[in-house]
Amino acid sequence: MKSEVSSLFKRLSALFDYIEEKYVPKYGKFSVTLFRSENEYFIDITFPKGTWDEYKAISREIKEYMNENGLDDLSSHTLITCLEAFQKWIENH
């Protein structure tokens, strides 16, 4: 179990490095929340900026990265949010 968690955190660290390099300059610093139920992990990655179309692209690209880099079991349990896009959506609905 301990080695499993250690491996997960190494893969997550690589994911966060990827996000930092690719998205932070344009969309701002992201926040991460990691949840664990009895046997599953869930992750929330939130960016402060981004349009609705950018949000869709970011979400697709990050999940593709996860699937290609040993985090495929977690990609379906990952929520990616761009606050600016959702705020504008809420204002218009």
PDB file of N, CA and C in Angstrom:
ATOM      1  N   MET A   1       0.821  -1.199   0.000  1.00  0.00           N
ATOM      2  CA  MET A   1       0.000   0.000   0.000  1.00  0.00           C
ATOM      3  C   MET A   1       0.867   1.265   0.000  1.00  0.00           C
ATOM      4  N   LYS A   2       1.916   1.261   0.824  1.00  0.00           N
ATOM      5  CA  LYS A   2       2.778   2.439   0.911  1.00  0.00           C
ATOM      6  C   LYS A   2       3.476   2.721  -0.418  1.00  0.00           C
ATOM      7  N   SER A   3       3.964   1.678  -1.081  1.00  0.00           N
ATOM      8  CA  SER A   3       4.626   1.876  -2.368  1.00  0.00           C
ATOM      9  C   SER A   3       3.628   2.316  -3.436  1.00  0.00           C
ATOM     10  N   GLU A   4       2.391   1.844  -3.334  1.00  0.00           N
ATOM     11  CA  GLU A   4       1.342   2.255  -4.266  1.00  0.00           C
ATOM     12  C   GLU A   4       1.074   3.752  -4.137  1.00  0.00           C
ATOM     13  N   VAL A   5       0.984   4.250  -2.925  1.00  0.00           N
ATOM     14  CA  VAL A   5       0.753   5.674  -2.686  1.00  0.00           C
ATOM     15  C   VAL A   5       1.955   6.485  -3.145  1.00  0.00           C
ATOM     16  N   SER A   6       3.151   5.998  -2.868  1.00  0.00           N
ATOM     17  CA  SER A   6       4.366   6.680  -3.285  1.00  0.00           C
ATOM     18  C   SER A   6       4.424   6.791  -4.810  1.00  0.00           C
ATOM     19  N   SER A   7       4.088   5.727  -5.498  1.00  0.00           N
ATOM     20  CA  SER A   7       4.067   5.725  -6.960  1.00  0.00           C
ATOM     21  C   SER A   7       3.022   6.707  -7.487  1.00  0.00           C
ATOM     22  N   LEU A   8       1.862   6.725  -6.865  1.00  0.00           N
ATOM     23  CA  LEU A   8       0.806   7.658  -7.270  1.00  0.00           C
ATOM     24  C   LEU A   8       1.287   9.095  -7.130  1.00  0.00           C
ATOM     25  N   PHE A   9       1.913   9.418  -6.032  1.00  0.00           N
ATOM     26  CA  PHE A   9       2.367  10.790  -5.813  1.00  0.00           C
ATOM     27  C   PHE A   9       3.495  11.178  -6.773  1.00  0.00           C
ATOM     28  N   LYS A  10       4.332  10.240  -7.171  1.00  0.00           N
ATOM     29  CA  LYS A  10       5.362  10.535  -8.170  1.00  0.00           C
ATOM     30  C   LYS A  10       4.722  10.869  -9.512  1.00  0.00           C
ATOM     31  N   ARG A  11       3.712  10.080  -9.895  1.00  0.00           N
ATOM     32  CA  ARG A  11       3.021  10.342 -11.158  1.00  0.00           C
ATOM     33  C   ARG A  11       2.248  11.652 -11.097  1.00  0.00           C
ATOM     34  N   LEU A  12       1.640  11.944  -9.955  1.00  0.00           N
ATOM     35  CA  LEU A  12       0.935  13.217  -9.801  1.00  0.00           C
ATOM     36  C   LEU A  12       1.902  14.394  -9.851  1.00  0.00           C
ATOM     37  N   SER A  13       3.063  14.233  -9.263  1.00  0.00           N
ATOM     38  CA  SER A  13       4.073  15.287  -9.302  1.00  0.00           C
ATOM     39  C   SER A  13       4.466  15.604 -10.745  1.00  0.00           C
ATOM     40  N   ALA A  14       4.643  14.570 -11.561  1.00  0.00           N
ATOM     41  CA  ALA A  14       4.958  14.777 -12.981  1.00  0.00           C
ATOM     42  C   ALA A  14       3.801  15.483 -13.688  1.00  0.00           C
ATOM     43  N   LEU A  15       2.574  15.115 -13.349  1.00  0.00           N
ATOM     44  CA  LEU A  15       1.399  15.784 -13.920  1.00  0.00           C
ATOM     45  C   LEU A  15       1.389  17.260 -13.554  1.00  0.00           C
ATOM     46  N   PHE A  16       1.648  17.573 -12.304  1.00  0.00           N
ATOM     47  CA  PHE A  16       1.630  18.968 -11.862  1.00  0.00           C
ATOM     48  C   PHE A  16       2.751  19.773 -12.521  1.00  0.00           C
ATOM     49  N   ASP A  17       3.904  19.153 -12.746  1.00  0.00           N
ATOM     50  CA  ASP A  17       4.981  19.824 -13.473  1.00  0.00           C
ATOM     51  C   ASP A  17       4.541  20.141 -14.903  1.00  0.00           C
ATOM     52  N   TYR A  18       3.883  19.187 -15.540  1.00  0.00           N
ATOM     53  CA  TYR A  18       3.359  19.371 -16.906  1.00  0.00           C
ATOM     54  C   TYR A  18       2.363  20.539 -16.932  1.00  0.00           C
ATOM     55  N   ILE A  19       1.442  20.558 -15.988  1.00  0.00           N
ATOM     56  CA  ILE A  19       0.435  21.619 -15.924  1.00  0.00           C
ATOM     57  C   ILE A  19       1.097  22.963 -15.664  1.00  0.00           C
ATOM     58  N   GLU A  20       2.029  22.987 -14.743  1.00  0.00           N
ATOM     59  CA  GLU A  20       2.731  24.229 -14.400  1.00  0.00           C
ATOM     60  C   GLU A  20       3.399  24.830 -15.634  1.00  0.00           C
ATOM     61  N   GLU A  21       4.081  23.995 -16.385  1.00  0.00           N
ATOM     62  CA  GLU A  21       4.812  24.474 -17.557  1.00  0.00           C
ATOM     63  C   GLU A  21       3.881  24.895 -18.691  1.00  0.00           C
ATOM     64  N   LYS A  22       2.835  24.109 -18.932  1.00  0.00           N
ATOM     65  CA  LYS A  22       1.999  24.333 -20.108  1.00  0.00           C
ATOM     66  C   LYS A  22       0.883  25.360 -19.890  1.00  0.00           C
ATOM     67  N   TYR A  23       0.290  25.409 -18.705  1.00  0.00           N
ATOM     68  CA  TYR A  23      -0.934  26.187 -18.533  1.00  0.00           C
ATOM     69  C   TYR A  23      -0.833  27.404 -17.614  1.00  0.00           C
ATOM     70  N   VAL A  24       0.040  27.368 -16.640  1.00  0.00           N
ATOM     71  CA  VAL A  24       0.097  28.459 -15.661  1.00  0.00           C
ATOM     72  C   VAL A  24       0.395  29.820 -16.287  1.00  0.00           C
ATOM     73  N   PRO A  25       1.308  29.918 -17.257  1.00  0.00           N
ATOM     74  CA  PRO A  25       1.579  31.249 -17.812  1.00  0.00           C
ATOM     75  C   PRO A  25       0.338  31.947 -18.367  1.00  0.00           C
ATOM     76  N   LYS A  26      -0.594  31.200 -18.943  1.00  0.00           N
ATOM     77  CA  LYS A  26      -1.787  31.811 -19.538  1.00  0.00           C
ATOM     78  C   LYS A  26      -3.000  31.800 -18.615  1.00  0.00           C
ATOM     79  N   TYR A  27      -3.174  30.736 -17.844  1.00  0.00           N
ATOM     80  CA  TYR A  27      -4.413  30.559 -17.070  1.00  0.00           C
ATOM     81  C   TYR A  27      -4.254  30.784 -15.571  1.00  0.00           C
ATOM     82  N   GLY A  28      -3.056  31.108 -15.122  1.00  0.00           N
ATOM     83  CA  GLY A  28      -2.819  31.391 -13.716  1.00  0.00           C
ATOM     84  C   GLY A  28      -2.500  30.140 -12.917  1.00  0.00           C
ATOM     85  N   LYS A  29      -2.047  30.369 -11.696  1.00  0.00           N
ATOM     86  CA  LYS A  29      -1.696  29.253 -10.809  1.00  0.00           C
ATOM     87  C   LYS A  29      -2.937  28.420 -10.504  1.00  0.00           C
ATOM     88  N   PHE A  30      -2.770  27.130 -10.572  1.00  0.00           N
ATOM     89  CA  PHE A  30      -3.877  26.210 -10.342  1.00  0.00           C
ATOM     90  C   PHE A  30      -3.863  25.714  -8.900  1.00  0.00           C
ATOM     91  N   SER A  31      -5.013  25.285  -8.457  1.00  0.00           N
ATOM     92  CA  SER A  31      -5.098  24.645  -7.143  1.00  0.00           C
ATOM     93  C   SER A  31      -5.502  23.190  -7.353  1.00  0.00           C
ATOM     94  N   VAL A  32      -5.113  22.356  -6.408  1.00  0.00           N
ATOM     95  CA  VAL A  32      -5.401  20.929  -6.490  1.00  0.00           C
ATOM     96  C   VAL A  32      -5.992  20.476  -5.172  1.00  0.00           C
ATOM     97  N   THR A  33      -7.047  19.689  -5.279  1.00  0.00           N
ATOM     98  CA  THR A  33      -7.618  19.032  -4.111  1.00  0.00           C
ATOM     99  C   THR A  33      -7.669  17.545  -4.411  1.00  0.00           C
ATOM    100  N   LEU A  34      -7.099  16.754  -3.537  1.00  0.00           N
ATOM    101  CA  LEU A  34      -7.087  15.302  -3.688  1.00  0.00           C
ATOM    102  C   LEU A  34      -7.963  14.699  -2.597  1.00  0.00           C
ATOM    103  N   PHE A  35      -8.907  13.871  -3.025  1.00  0.00           N
ATOM    104  CA  PHE A  35      -9.809  13.200  -2.100  1.00  0.00           C
ATOM    105  C   PHE A  35      -9.554  11.709  -2.179  1.00  0.00           C
ATOM    106  N   ARG A  36      -9.802  11.013  -1.107  1.00  0.00           N
ATOM    107  CA  ARG A  36      -9.682   9.562  -1.130  1.00  0.00           C
ATOM    108  C   ARG A  36     -10.884   8.968  -0.435  1.00  0.00           C
ATOM    109  N   SER A  37     -11.574   8.086  -1.156  1.00  0.00           N
ATOM    110  CA  SER A  37     -12.629   7.295  -0.529  1.00  0.00           C
ATOM    111  C   SER A  37     -11.964   6.012  -0.047  1.00  0.00           C
ATOM    112  N   GLU A  38     -12.722   5.012   0.252  1.00  0.00           N
ATOM    113  CA  GLU A  38     -12.125   3.786   0.778  1.00  0.00           C
ATOM    114  C   GLU A  38     -11.056   3.203  -0.142  1.00  0.00           C
ATOM    115  N   ASN A  39     -11.340   3.122  -1.437  1.00  0.00           N
ATOM    116  CA  ASN A  39     -10.391   2.492  -2.354  1.00  0.00           C
ATOM    117  C   ASN A  39     -10.089   3.311  -3.598  1.00  0.00           C
ATOM    118  N   GLU A  40     -10.598   4.522  -3.682  1.00  0.00           N
ATOM    119  CA  GLU A  40     -10.411   5.321  -4.880  1.00  0.00           C
ATOM    120  C   GLU A  40      -9.957   6.734  -4.535  1.00  0.00           C
ATOM    121  N   TYR A  41      -9.206   7.301  -5.464  1.00  0.00           N
ATOM    122  CA  TYR A  41      -8.789   8.696  -5.341  1.00  0.00           C
ATOM    123  C   TYR A  41      -9.593   9.536  -6.316  1.00  0.00           C
ATOM    124  N   PHE A  42      -9.834  10.777  -5.948  1.00  0.00           N
ATOM    125  CA  PHE A  42     -10.492  11.761  -6.796  1.00  0.00           C
ATOM    126  C   PHE A  42      -9.654  13.028  -6.731  1.00  0.00           C
ATOM    127  N   ILE A  43      -9.602  13.744  -7.845  1.00  0.00           N
ATOM    128  CA  ILE A  43      -8.780  14.944  -7.881  1.00  0.00           C
ATOM    129  C   ILE A  43      -9.552  16.075  -8.545  1.00  0.00           C
ATOM    130  N   ASP A  44      -9.371  17.263  -8.003  1.00  0.00           N
ATOM    131  CA  ASP A  44      -9.947  18.485  -8.574  1.00  0.00           C
ATOM    132  C   ASP A  44      -8.794  19.422  -8.889  1.00  0.00           C
ATOM    133  N   ILE A  45      -8.712  19.874 -10.148  1.00  0.00           N
ATOM    134  CA  ILE A  45      -7.692  20.825 -10.589  1.00  0.00           C
ATOM    135  C   ILE A  45      -8.435  22.067 -11.057  1.00  0.00           C
ATOM    136  N   THR A  46      -8.153  23.212 -10.439  1.00  0.00           N
ATOM    137  CA  THR A  46      -8.884  24.441 -10.738  1.00  0.00           C
ATOM    138  C   THR A  46      -7.934  25.532 -11.196  1.00  0.00           C
ATOM    139  N   PHE A  47      -8.291  26.153 -12.327  1.00  0.00           N
ATOM    140  CA  PHE A  47      -7.572  27.307 -12.866  1.00  0.00           C
ATOM    141  C   PHE A  47      -8.426  28.556 -12.664  1.00  0.00           C
ATOM    142  N   PRO A  48      -7.809  29.713 -12.396  1.00  0.00           N
ATOM    143  CA  PRO A  48      -8.609  30.928 -12.215  1.00  0.00           C
ATOM    144  C   PRO A  48      -9.115  31.522 -13.523  1.00  0.00           C
ATOM    145  N   LYS A  49      -8.410  31.302 -14.620  1.00  0.00           N
ATOM    146  CA  LYS A  49      -8.758  31.939 -15.895  1.00  0.00           C
ATOM    147  C   LYS A  49      -9.065  30.896 -16.954  1.00  0.00           C
ATOM    148  N   GLY A  50      -9.682  31.376 -18.048  1.00  0.00           N
ATOM    149  CA  GLY A  50      -9.944  30.516 -19.193  1.00  0.00           C
ATOM    150  C   GLY A  50     -11.364  30.650 -19.682  1.00  0.00           C
ATOM    151  N   THR A  51     -11.517  30.659 -21.002  1.00  0.00           N
ATOM    152  CA  THR A  51     -12.844  30.695 -21.611  1.00  0.00           C
ATOM    153  C   THR A  51     -13.433  29.284 -21.613  1.00  0.00           C
ATOM    154  N   TRP A  52     -14.680  29.191 -22.021  1.00  0.00           N
ATOM    155  CA  TRP A  52     -15.339  27.889 -22.082  1.00  0.00           C
ATOM    156  C   TRP A  52     -14.613  26.967 -23.063  1.00  0.00           C
ATOM    157  N   ASP A  53     -14.256  27.493 -24.249  1.00  0.00           N
ATOM    158  CA  ASP A  53     -13.546  26.675 -25.240  1.00  0.00           C
ATOM    159  C   ASP A  53     -12.158  26.287 -24.739  1.00  0.00           C
ATOM    160  N   GLU A  54     -11.479  27.194 -24.074  1.00  0.00           N
ATOM    161  CA  GLU A  54     -10.165  26.869 -23.507  1.00  0.00           C
ATOM    162  C   GLU A  54     -10.303  25.808 -22.422  1.00  0.00           C
ATOM    163  N   TYR A  55     -11.336  25.922 -21.603  1.00  0.00           N
ATOM    164  CA  TYR A  55     -11.589  24.935 -20.550  1.00  0.00           C
ATOM    165  C   TYR A  55     -11.734  23.534 -21.153  1.00  0.00           C
ATOM    166  N   LYS A  56     -12.511  23.422 -22.229  1.00  0.00           N
ATOM    167  CA  LYS A  56     -12.721  22.119 -22.858  1.00  0.00           C
ATOM    168  C   LYS A  56     -11.400  21.551 -23.387  1.00  0.00           C
ATOM    169  N   ALA A  57     -10.581  22.407 -23.997  1.00  0.00           N
ATOM    170  CA  ALA A  57      -9.287  21.959 -24.523  1.00  0.00           C
ATOM    171  C   ALA A  57      -8.340  21.555 -23.390  1.00  0.00           C
ATOM    172  N   ILE A  58      -8.277  22.372 -22.348  1.00  0.00           N
ATOM    173  CA  ILE A  58      -7.419  22.064 -21.199  1.00  0.00           C
ATOM    174  C   ILE A  58      -7.818  20.722 -20.587  1.00  0.00           C
ATOM    175  N   SER A  59      -9.099  20.540 -20.379  1.00  0.00           N
ATOM    176  CA  SER A  59      -9.597  19.307 -19.777  1.00  0.00           C
ATOM    177  C   SER A  59      -9.227  18.096 -20.628  1.00  0.00           C
ATOM    178  N   ARG A  60      -9.445  18.190 -21.927  1.00  0.00           N
ATOM    179  CA  ARG A  60      -9.127  17.089 -22.833  1.00  0.00           C
ATOM    180  C   ARG A  60      -7.622  16.794 -22.814  1.00  0.00           C
ATOM    181  N   GLU A  61      -6.798  17.841 -22.899  1.00  0.00           N
ATOM    182  CA  GLU A  61      -5.346  17.653 -22.948  1.00  0.00           C
ATOM    183  C   GLU A  61      -4.798  17.063 -21.656  1.00  0.00           C
ATOM    184  N   ILE A  62      -5.278  17.538 -20.522  1.00  0.00           N
ATOM    185  CA  ILE A  62      -4.792  17.008 -19.241  1.00  0.00           C
ATOM    186  C   ILE A  62      -5.196  15.549 -19.081  1.00  0.00           C
ATOM    187  N   LYS A  63      -6.416  15.219 -19.442  1.00  0.00           N
ATOM    188  CA  LYS A  63      -6.847  13.818 -19.314  1.00  0.00           C
ATOM    189  C   LYS A  63      -6.092  12.918 -20.291  1.00  0.00           C
ATOM    190  N   GLU A  64      -5.779  13.420 -21.482  1.00  0.00           N
ATOM    191  CA  GLU A  64      -4.956  12.650 -22.418  1.00  0.00           C
ATOM    192  C   GLU A  64      -3.568  12.401 -21.821  1.00  0.00           C
ATOM    193  N   TYR A  65      -2.983  13.451 -21.230  1.00  0.00           N
ATOM    194  CA  TYR A  65      -1.680  13.301 -20.581  1.00  0.00           C
ATOM    195  C   TYR A  65      -1.771  12.236 -19.484  1.00  0.00           C
ATOM    196  N   MET A  66      -2.814  12.305 -18.682  1.00  0.00           N
ATOM    197  CA  MET A  66      -2.972  11.336 -17.597  1.00  0.00           C
ATOM    198  C   MET A  66      -3.070   9.914 -18.145  1.00  0.00           C
ATOM    199  N   ASN A  67      -3.863   9.729 -19.200  1.00  0.00           N
ATOM    200  CA  ASN A  67      -4.033   8.398 -19.784  1.00  0.00           C
ATOM    201  C   ASN A  67      -2.736   7.865 -20.370  1.00  0.00           C
ATOM    202  N   GLU A  68      -1.894   8.740 -20.879  1.00  0.00           N
ATOM    203  CA  GLU A  68      -0.636   8.330 -21.502  1.00  0.00           C
ATOM    204  C   GLU A  68       0.505   8.162 -20.493  1.00  0.00           C
ATOM    205  N   ASN A  69       0.296   8.584 -19.244  1.00  0.00           N
ATOM    206  CA  ASN A  69       1.391   8.599 -18.273  1.00  0.00           C
ATOM    207  C   ASN A  69       1.048   7.892 -16.962  1.00  0.00           C
ATOM    208  N   GLY A  70       0.310   6.809 -17.077  1.00  0.00           N
ATOM    209  CA  GLY A  70       0.076   5.949 -15.928  1.00  0.00           C
ATOM    210  C   GLY A  70      -0.940   6.443 -14.918  1.00  0.00           C
ATOM    211  N   LEU A  71      -1.741   7.433 -15.301  1.00  0.00           N
ATOM    212  CA  LEU A  71      -2.782   7.923 -14.404  1.00  0.00           C
ATOM    213  C   LEU A  71      -4.176   7.683 -14.987  1.00  0.00           C
ATOM    214  N   ASP A  72      -4.275   6.711 -15.891  1.00  0.00           N
ATOM    215  CA  ASP A  72      -5.544   6.447 -16.553  1.00  0.00           C
ATOM    216  C   ASP A  72      -6.630   6.033 -15.572  1.00  0.00           C
ATOM    217  N   ASP A  73      -6.248   5.356 -14.494  1.00  0.00           N
ATOM    218  CA  ASP A  73      -7.231   4.971 -13.488  1.00  0.00           C
ATOM    219  C   ASP A  73      -7.791   6.179 -12.742  1.00  0.00           C
ATOM    220  N   LEU A  74      -7.055   7.279 -12.737  1.00  0.00           N
ATOM    221  CA  LEU A  74      -7.480   8.488 -12.032  1.00  0.00           C
ATOM    222  C   LEU A  74      -8.126   9.511 -12.965  1.00  0.00           C
ATOM    223  N   SER A  75      -7.872   9.415 -14.261  1.00  0.00           N
ATOM    224  CA  SER A  75      -8.383  10.440 -15.174  1.00  0.00           C
ATOM    225  C   SER A  75      -9.909  10.506 -15.182  1.00  0.00           C
ATOM    226  N   SER A  76     -10.576   9.379 -15.016  1.00  0.00           N
ATOM    227  CA  SER A  76     -12.045   9.393 -14.979  1.00  0.00           C
ATOM    228  C   SER A  76     -12.573   9.911 -13.646  1.00  0.00           C
ATOM    229  N   HIS A  77     -11.694  10.090 -12.669  1.00  0.00           N
ATOM    230  CA  HIS A  77     -12.062  10.635 -11.364  1.00  0.00           C
ATOM    231  C   HIS A  77     -11.483  12.033 -11.167  1.00  0.00           C
ATOM    232  N   THR A  78     -11.228  12.711 -12.280  1.00  0.00           N
ATOM    233  CA  THR A  78     -10.605  14.031 -12.223  1.00  0.00           C
ATOM    234  C   THR A  78     -11.568  15.092 -12.743  1.00  0.00           C
ATOM    235  N   LEU A  79     -11.737  16.138 -11.963  1.00  0.00           N
ATOM    236  CA  LEU A  79     -12.543  17.290 -12.338  1.00  0.00           C
ATOM    237  C   LEU A  79     -11.587  18.438 -12.613  1.00  0.00           C
ATOM    238  N   ILE A  80     -11.722  19.052 -13.780  1.00  0.00           N
ATOM    239  CA  ILE A  80     -10.905  20.201 -14.137  1.00  0.00           C
ATOM    240  C   ILE A  80     -11.847  21.383 -14.311  1.00  0.00           C
ATOM    241  N   THR A  81     -11.501  22.498 -13.676  1.00  0.00           N
ATOM    242  CA  THR A  81     -12.379  23.661 -13.653  1.00  0.00           C
ATOM    243  C   THR A  81     -11.603  24.915 -14.023  1.00  0.00           C
ATOM    244  N   CYS A  82     -12.211  25.761 -14.841  1.00  0.00           N
ATOM    245  CA  CYS A  82     -11.719  27.117 -15.098  1.00  0.00           C
ATOM    246  C   CYS A  82     -12.758  28.064 -14.516  1.00  0.00           C
ATOM    247  N   LEU A  83     -12.417  28.706 -13.421  1.00  0.00           N
ATOM    248  CA  LEU A  83     -13.385  29.521 -12.694  1.00  0.00           C
ATOM    249  C   LEU A  83     -13.988  30.631 -13.548  1.00  0.00           C
ATOM    250  N   GLU A  84     -13.168  31.294 -14.345  1.00  0.00           N
ATOM    251  CA  GLU A  84     -13.655  32.384 -15.186  1.00  0.00           C
ATOM    252  C   GLU A  84     -14.731  31.891 -16.159  1.00  0.00           C
ATOM    253  N   ALA A  85     -14.523  30.749 -16.789  1.00  0.00           N
ATOM    254  CA  ALA A  85     -15.504  30.195 -17.728  1.00  0.00           C
ATOM    255  C   ALA A  85     -16.810  29.864 -17.021  1.00  0.00           C
ATOM    256  N   PHE A  86     -16.725  29.247 -15.855  1.00  0.00           N
ATOM    257  CA  PHE A  86     -17.943  28.890 -15.133  1.00  0.00           C
ATOM    258  C   PHE A  86     -18.657  30.119 -14.584  1.00  0.00           C
ATOM    259  N   GLN A  87     -17.909  31.115 -14.177  1.00  0.00           N
ATOM    260  CA  GLN A  87     -18.524  32.351 -13.691  1.00  0.00           C
ATOM    261  C   GLN A  87     -19.318  33.024 -14.817  1.00  0.00           C
ATOM    262  N   LYS A  88     -18.732  33.097 -16.004  1.00  0.00           N
ATOM    263  CA  LYS A  88     -19.441  33.694 -17.142  1.00  0.00           C
ATOM    264  C   LYS A  88     -20.657  32.871 -17.522  1.00  0.00           C
ATOM    265  N   TRP A  89     -20.539  31.554 -17.446  1.00  0.00           N
ATOM    266  CA  TRP A  89     -21.680  30.687 -17.747  1.00  0.00           C
ATOM    267  C   TRP A  89     -22.810  30.953 -16.752  1.00  0.00           C
ATOM    268  N   ILE A  90     -22.471  31.054 -15.479  1.00  0.00           N
ATOM    269  CA  ILE A  90     -23.488  31.303 -14.441  1.00  0.00           C
ATOM    270  C   ILE A  90     -24.159  32.656 -14.670  1.00  0.00           C
ATOM    271  N   GLU A  91     -23.393  33.666 -15.013  1.00  0.00           N
ATOM    272  CA  GLU A  91     -23.951  35.003 -15.254  1.00  0.00           C
ATOM    273  C   GLU A  91     -24.919  35.016 -16.427  1.00  0.00           C
ATOM    274  N   ASN A  92     -24.711  34.143 -17.395  1.00  0.00           N
ATOM    275  CA  ASN A  92     -25.559  34.107 -18.586  1.00  0.00           C
ATOM    276  C   ASN A  92     -26.718  33.130 -18.496  1.00  0.00           C
ATOM    277  N   HIS A  93     -26.837  32.425 -17.395  1.00  0.00           N
ATOM    278  CA  HIS A  93     -27.933  31.441 -17.274  1.00  0.00           C
ATOM    279  C   HIS A  93     -28.784  31.685 -16.050  1.00  0.00           C
TER     280      HIS A  93
END
